[in-house]
Amino acid sequence: MVALLLVAVALGMSNLAAAIGIGISGAGRAVRVRVAVVFGVFEAGMPLLGLLLGHSVAARLGRGAQWLGGTLLILVGIYGVVQAWRARGQAESVREWRLGRIVVSGLALSLDNLAAGFALGAYHVSFGLAAALIGAVSVGMSLAGLELGARLGSAIGTRSELIAEVVLVAVGAAMAAGAM
């Protein structure tokens, strides 16, 4: 159980970092709930998908899943930087985090978690317990990151949207480099 909890915390670290970036942009309550739920579902689902797919897929994906996830997150962040840059100088131009953007971010953050599913198979952990614990930890870490990001965003002020997107690019780069 302790090993599973440690895996859940390790998997949730990238969500924490990305949620800080999203929170900096001034996400409202509804967006926070969507982010936490989507991130939690992907974080819980990808390791389980990894368990189901087996070791043959792991050999083919290898580090590629980490690269793909990092690249997707970088692209989401770059898109946001461009949008924030275009909107600079406009009154209260905080862009809404639509569900599609949240889903792409959640998918990107969790792609490298397929490998964690292969490792979980060695512990003979029940699917339900693994999904519940990983999902709950991810939701909690995402909510904490969103709250911390919101507080940072309030302190930063007008440049918060641009800084939020740069944070997402940095998280994507760290993922691709294997630092997360």
C-alpha atoms as a PDB file:
ATOM      1  CA  MET A   1       0.000   0.000   0.000  1.00  0.00           C
ATOM      2  CA  VAL A   2       2.834   2.412   0.818  1.00  0.00           C
ATOM      3  CA  ALA A   3       4.456   1.665  -2.561  1.00  0.00           C
ATOM      4  CA  LEU A   4       1.175   2.420  -4.322  1.00  0.00           C
ATOM      5  CA  LEU A   5       0.808   5.699  -2.431  1.00  0.00           C
ATOM      6  CA  LEU A   6       4.360   6.705  -3.382  1.00  0.00           C
ATOM      7  CA  VAL A   7       3.626   5.857  -7.024  1.00  0.00           C
ATOM      8  CA  ALA A   8       0.449   7.956  -6.856  1.00  0.00           C
ATOM      9  CA  VAL A   9       2.339  10.968  -5.473  1.00  0.00           C
ATOM     10  CA  ALA A  10       5.096  10.603  -8.065  1.00  0.00           C
ATOM     11  CA  LEU A  11       2.516  10.415 -10.862  1.00  0.00           C
ATOM     12  CA  GLY A  12       0.692  13.458  -9.515  1.00  0.00           C
ATOM     13  CA  MET A  13       3.750  15.732  -9.499  1.00  0.00           C
ATOM     14  CA  SER A  14       3.373  16.756 -13.142  1.00  0.00           C
ATOM     15  CA  ASN A  15      -0.304  17.514 -12.502  1.00  0.00           C
ATOM     16  CA  LEU A  16       0.641  19.676  -9.538  1.00  0.00           C
ATOM     17  CA  ALA A  17       3.066  21.675 -11.672  1.00  0.00           C
ATOM     18  CA  ALA A  18       0.647  22.064 -14.587  1.00  0.00           C
ATOM     19  CA  ALA A  19      -2.209  22.979 -12.232  1.00  0.00           C
ATOM     20  CA  ILE A  20      -0.082  25.766 -10.763  1.00  0.00           C
ATOM     21  CA  GLY A  21       0.304  27.132 -14.294  1.00  0.00           C
ATOM     22  CA  ILE A  22      -3.421  26.890 -14.961  1.00  0.00           C
ATOM     23  CA  GLY A  23      -4.222  28.451 -11.596  1.00  0.00           C
ATOM     24  CA  ILE A  24      -1.934  31.403 -12.305  1.00  0.00           C
ATOM     25  CA  SER A  25      -4.113  32.290 -15.293  1.00  0.00           C
ATOM     26  CA  GLY A  26      -7.049  32.960 -12.986  1.00  0.00           C
ATOM     27  CA  ALA A  27      -9.161  29.846 -13.492  1.00  0.00           C
ATOM     28  CA  GLY A  28     -12.611  30.035 -11.889  1.00  0.00           C
ATOM     29  CA  ARG A  29     -14.281  27.433  -9.695  1.00  0.00           C
ATOM     30  CA  ALA A  30     -15.906  25.511 -12.590  1.00  0.00           C
ATOM     31  CA  VAL A  31     -12.599  25.291 -14.454  1.00  0.00           C
ATOM     32  CA  ARG A  32     -10.832  24.118 -11.302  1.00  0.00           C
ATOM     33  CA  VAL A  33     -13.323  21.285 -10.865  1.00  0.00           C
ATOM     34  CA  ARG A  34     -12.994  20.273 -14.543  1.00  0.00           C
ATOM     35  CA  VAL A  35      -9.180  20.328 -14.335  1.00  0.00           C
ATOM     36  CA  ALA A  36      -9.130  18.238 -11.151  1.00  0.00           C
ATOM     37  CA  VAL A  37     -11.606  15.674 -12.502  1.00  0.00           C
ATOM     38  CA  VAL A  38     -10.008  15.364 -15.957  1.00  0.00           C
ATOM     39  CA  PHE A  39      -6.477  15.149 -14.535  1.00  0.00           C
ATOM     40  CA  GLY A  40      -7.637  12.603 -11.952  1.00  0.00           C
ATOM     41  CA  VAL A  41      -9.374  10.436 -14.548  1.00  0.00           C
ATOM     42  CA  PHE A  42      -6.356  10.408 -16.847  1.00  0.00           C
ATOM     43  CA  GLU A  43      -3.902   9.824 -14.009  1.00  0.00           C
ATOM     44  CA  ALA A  44      -5.946   6.885 -12.724  1.00  0.00           C
ATOM     45  CA  GLY A  45      -6.790   5.541 -16.162  1.00  0.00           C
ATOM     46  CA  MET A  46      -3.399   5.523 -17.861  1.00  0.00           C
ATOM     47  CA  PRO A  47      -1.623   3.236 -15.378  1.00  0.00           C
ATOM     48  CA  LEU A  48      -4.613   0.890 -15.528  1.00  0.00           C
ATOM     49  CA  LEU A  49      -4.469   0.969 -19.320  1.00  0.00           C
ATOM     50  CA  GLY A  50      -0.769   0.151 -18.982  1.00  0.00           C
ATOM     51  CA  LEU A  51      -1.595  -2.832 -16.823  1.00  0.00           C
ATOM     52  CA  LEU A  52      -4.108  -4.068 -19.370  1.00  0.00           C
ATOM     53  CA  LEU A  53      -1.919  -3.507 -22.432  1.00  0.00           C
ATOM     54  CA  GLY A  54       0.982  -5.479 -21.051  1.00  0.00           C
ATOM     55  CA  HIS A  55       4.716  -5.413 -21.465  1.00  0.00           C
ATOM     56  CA  SER A  56       4.787  -5.733 -25.270  1.00  0.00           C
ATOM     57  CA  VAL A  57       3.314  -2.257 -25.697  1.00  0.00           C
ATOM     58  CA  ALA A  58       5.722  -0.890 -23.095  1.00  0.00           C
ATOM     59  CA  ALA A  59       8.668  -2.128 -25.106  1.00  0.00           C
ATOM     60  CA  ARG A  60       7.356  -0.391 -28.228  1.00  0.00           C
ATOM     61  CA  LEU A  61       6.463   2.882 -26.524  1.00  0.00           C
ATOM     62  CA  GLY A  62       9.436   3.091 -24.207  1.00  0.00           C
ATOM     63  CA  ARG A  63      10.482   6.672 -23.646  1.00  0.00           C
ATOM     64  CA  GLY A  64       8.325   7.706 -26.603  1.00  0.00           C
ATOM     65  CA  ALA A  65       5.295   8.165 -24.356  1.00  0.00           C
ATOM     66  CA  GLN A  66       7.224  10.643 -22.240  1.00  0.00           C
ATOM     67  CA  TRP A  67       8.346  12.550 -25.333  1.00  0.00           C
ATOM     68  CA  LEU A  68       4.859  12.581 -26.830  1.00  0.00           C
ATOM     69  CA  GLY A  69       3.256  13.784 -23.596  1.00  0.00           C
ATOM     70  CA  GLY A  70       5.871  16.491 -23.109  1.00  0.00           C
ATOM     71  CA  THR A  71       5.545  17.645 -26.717  1.00  0.00           C
ATOM     72  CA  LEU A  72       1.745  17.830 -26.508  1.00  0.00           C
ATOM     73  CA  LEU A  73       1.959  19.892 -23.330  1.00  0.00           C
ATOM     74  CA  ILE A  74       4.552  22.197 -24.903  1.00  0.00           C
ATOM     75  CA  LEU A  75       2.237  22.718 -27.893  1.00  0.00           C
ATOM     76  CA  VAL A  76      -0.727  23.511 -25.602  1.00  0.00           C
ATOM     77  CA  GLY A  77       1.485  26.000 -23.745  1.00  0.00           C
ATOM     78  CA  ILE A  78       2.839  27.618 -26.927  1.00  0.00           C
ATOM     79  CA  TYR A  79      -0.700  28.013 -28.254  1.00  0.00           C
ATOM     80  CA  GLY A  80      -1.617  29.708 -24.979  1.00  0.00           C
ATOM     81  CA  VAL A  81       1.449  31.984 -25.125  1.00  0.00           C
ATOM     82  CA  VAL A  82       0.453  33.121 -28.616  1.00  0.00           C
ATOM     83  CA  GLN A  83      -3.136  33.756 -27.496  1.00  0.00           C
ATOM     84  CA  ALA A  84      -2.002  35.611 -24.359  1.00  0.00           C
ATOM     85  CA  TRP A  85       0.449  37.695 -26.363  1.00  0.00           C
ATOM     86  CA  ARG A  86      -2.278  38.659 -28.846  1.00  0.00           C
ATOM     87  CA  ALA A  87      -4.625  39.633 -26.009  1.00  0.00           C
ATOM     88  CA  ARG A  88      -2.081  41.726 -24.093  1.00  0.00           C
ATOM     89  CA  GLY A  89      -3.246  45.208 -23.244  1.00  0.00           C
ATOM     90  CA  GLN A  90      -6.929  44.258 -23.428  1.00  0.00           C
ATOM     91  CA  ALA A  91      -8.906  44.763 -20.260  1.00  0.00           C
ATOM     92  CA  GLU A  92      -9.152  41.611 -18.122  1.00  0.00           C
ATOM     93  CA  SER A  93      -8.302  39.234 -20.929  1.00  0.00           C
ATOM     94  CA  VAL A  94      -8.047  35.972 -19.039  1.00  0.00           C
ATOM     95  CA  ARG A  95      -8.807  33.182 -21.493  1.00  0.00           C
ATOM     96  CA  GLU A  96     -11.140  30.435 -20.352  1.00  0.00           C
ATOM     97  CA  TRP A  97      -9.792  26.902 -20.101  1.00  0.00           C
ATOM     98  CA  ARG A  98     -12.290  25.025 -22.280  1.00  0.00           C
ATOM     99  CA  LEU A  99     -12.871  21.311 -21.735  1.00  0.00           C
ATOM    100  CA  GLY A 100     -11.037  20.289 -24.935  1.00  0.00           C
ATOM    101  CA  ARG A 101      -7.894  22.113 -23.851  1.00  0.00           C
ATOM    102  CA  ILE A 102      -8.109  20.566 -20.387  1.00  0.00           C
ATOM    103  CA  VAL A 103      -8.541  17.074 -21.876  1.00  0.00           C
ATOM    104  CA  VAL A 104      -5.512  17.500 -24.178  1.00  0.00           C
ATOM    105  CA  SER A 105      -3.462  18.722 -21.210  1.00  0.00           C
ATOM    106  CA  GLY A 106      -4.618  15.811 -19.029  1.00  0.00           C
ATOM    107  CA  LEU A 107      -3.798  13.319 -21.772  1.00  0.00           C
ATOM    108  CA  ALA A 108      -0.381  14.867 -22.341  1.00  0.00           C
ATOM    109  CA  LEU A 109       0.418  14.816 -18.623  1.00  0.00           C
ATOM    110  CA  SER A 110      -0.583  11.180 -18.225  1.00  0.00           C
ATOM    111  CA  LEU A 111       0.888   9.505 -21.323  1.00  0.00           C
ATOM    112  CA  ASP A 112       4.098   8.617 -19.547  1.00  0.00           C
ATOM    113  CA  ASN A 113       2.024   6.959 -16.811  1.00  0.00           C
ATOM    114  CA  LEU A 114       1.440   3.945 -19.044  1.00  0.00           C
ATOM    115  CA  ALA A 115       4.801   2.645 -17.872  1.00  0.00           C
ATOM    116  CA  ALA A 116       3.721   3.014 -14.247  1.00  0.00           C
ATOM    117  CA  GLY A 117       0.929   0.572 -14.988  1.00  0.00           C
ATOM    118  CA  PHE A 118       3.428  -2.043 -16.092  1.00  0.00           C
ATOM    119  CA  ALA A 119       5.319  -1.569 -12.836  1.00  0.00           C
ATOM    120  CA  LEU A 120       2.109  -1.810 -10.789  1.00  0.00           C
ATOM    121  CA  GLY A 121       1.553  -5.275 -12.222  1.00  0.00           C
ATOM    122  CA  ALA A 122       4.584  -6.468 -10.280  1.00  0.00           C
ATOM    123  CA  TYR A 123       2.940  -5.441  -6.996  1.00  0.00           C
ATOM    124  CA  HIS A 124      -0.237  -7.442  -7.678  1.00  0.00           C
ATOM    125  CA  VAL A 125      -2.407  -4.483  -6.677  1.00  0.00           C
ATOM    126  CA  SER A 126      -6.138  -4.574  -7.392  1.00  0.00           C
ATOM    127  CA  PHE A 127      -7.253  -2.421 -10.331  1.00  0.00           C
ATOM    128  CA  GLY A 128      -9.943  -0.716  -8.253  1.00  0.00           C
ATOM    129  CA  LEU A 129      -7.630   0.188  -5.402  1.00  0.00           C
ATOM    130  CA  ALA A 130      -4.930   1.483  -7.755  1.00  0.00           C
ATOM    131  CA  ALA A 131      -7.413   3.575  -9.749  1.00  0.00           C
ATOM    132  CA  ALA A 132      -9.077   5.028  -6.657  1.00  0.00           C
ATOM    133  CA  LEU A 133      -5.849   5.920  -4.871  1.00  0.00           C
ATOM    134  CA  ILE A 134      -4.032   7.335  -7.913  1.00  0.00           C
ATOM    135  CA  GLY A 135      -7.124   9.289  -8.958  1.00  0.00           C
ATOM    136  CA  ALA A 136      -7.719  10.703  -5.485  1.00  0.00           C
ATOM    137  CA  VAL A 137      -4.087  11.754  -5.030  1.00  0.00           C
ATOM    138  CA  SER A 138      -4.079  13.342  -8.490  1.00  0.00           C
ATOM    139  CA  VAL A 139      -7.278  15.280  -7.810  1.00  0.00           C
ATOM    140  CA  GLY A 140      -5.881  16.516  -4.491  1.00  0.00           C
ATOM    141  CA  MET A 141      -2.556  17.548  -5.973  1.00  0.00           C
ATOM    142  CA  SER A 142      -4.294  19.256  -8.910  1.00  0.00           C
ATOM    143  CA  LEU A 143      -6.568  21.232  -6.571  1.00  0.00           C
ATOM    144  CA  ALA A 144      -3.576  22.230  -4.436  1.00  0.00           C
ATOM    145  CA  GLY A 145      -1.700  23.353  -7.542  1.00  0.00           C
ATOM    146  CA  LEU A 146      -4.692  25.342  -8.804  1.00  0.00           C
ATOM    147  CA  GLU A 147      -5.023  27.113  -5.444  1.00  0.00           C
ATOM    148  CA  LEU A 148      -1.314  27.885  -5.249  1.00  0.00           C
ATOM    149  CA  GLY A 149      -1.373  29.092  -8.849  1.00  0.00           C
ATOM    150  CA  ALA A 150      -4.380  31.338  -8.168  1.00  0.00           C
ATOM    151  CA  ARG A 151      -2.557  32.959  -5.269  1.00  0.00           C
ATOM    152  CA  LEU A 152       0.542  33.465  -7.401  1.00  0.00           C
ATOM    153  CA  GLY A 153      -1.602  34.840 -10.231  1.00  0.00           C
ATOM    154  CA  SER A 154      -3.175  37.407  -7.920  1.00  0.00           C
ATOM    155  CA  ALA A 155       0.265  38.570  -6.854  1.00  0.00           C
ATOM    156  CA  ILE A 156       1.608  38.676 -10.429  1.00  0.00           C
ATOM    157  CA  GLY A 157      -1.289  40.631 -11.899  1.00  0.00           C
ATOM    158  CA  THR A 158      -1.622  41.490 -15.582  1.00  0.00           C
ATOM    159  CA  ARG A 159       1.033  39.129 -16.912  1.00  0.00           C
ATOM    160  CA  SER A 160      -0.423  36.074 -15.172  1.00  0.00           C
ATOM    161  CA  GLU A 161      -1.885  34.490 -18.351  1.00  0.00           C
ATOM    162  CA  LEU A 162       1.419  34.728 -20.219  1.00  0.00           C
ATOM    163  CA  ILE A 163       3.372  33.374 -17.229  1.00  0.00           C
ATOM    164  CA  ALA A 164       0.847  30.527 -16.834  1.00  0.00           C
ATOM    165  CA  GLU A 165       1.429  29.389 -20.408  1.00  0.00           C
ATOM    166  CA  VAL A 166       5.208  29.597 -20.036  1.00  0.00           C
ATOM    167  CA  VAL A 167       4.880  27.378 -16.935  1.00  0.00           C
ATOM    168  CA  LEU A 168       2.992  24.786 -19.032  1.00  0.00           C
ATOM    169  CA  VAL A 169       5.743  24.862 -21.673  1.00  0.00           C
ATOM    170  CA  ALA A 170       8.339  24.374 -18.916  1.00  0.00           C
ATOM    171  CA  VAL A 171       6.393  21.416 -17.449  1.00  0.00           C
ATOM    172  CA  GLY A 172       6.184  19.869 -20.932  1.00  0.00           C
ATOM    173  CA  ALA A 173       9.917  20.344 -21.460  1.00  0.00           C
ATOM    174  CA  ALA A 174      10.682  18.794 -18.071  1.00  0.00           C
ATOM    175  CA  MET A 175       8.461  15.811 -18.920  1.00  0.00           C
ATOM    176  CA  ALA A 176      10.122  15.313 -22.299  1.00  0.00           C
ATOM    177  CA  ALA A 177      13.538  15.527 -20.668  1.00  0.00           C
ATOM    178  CA  GLY A 178      12.580  12.888 -18.124  1.00  0.00           C
ATOM    179  CA  ALA A 179      12.701  15.206 -15.111  1.00  0.00           C
ATOM    180  CA  MET A 180       9.048  14.527 -14.157  1.00  0.00           C
END
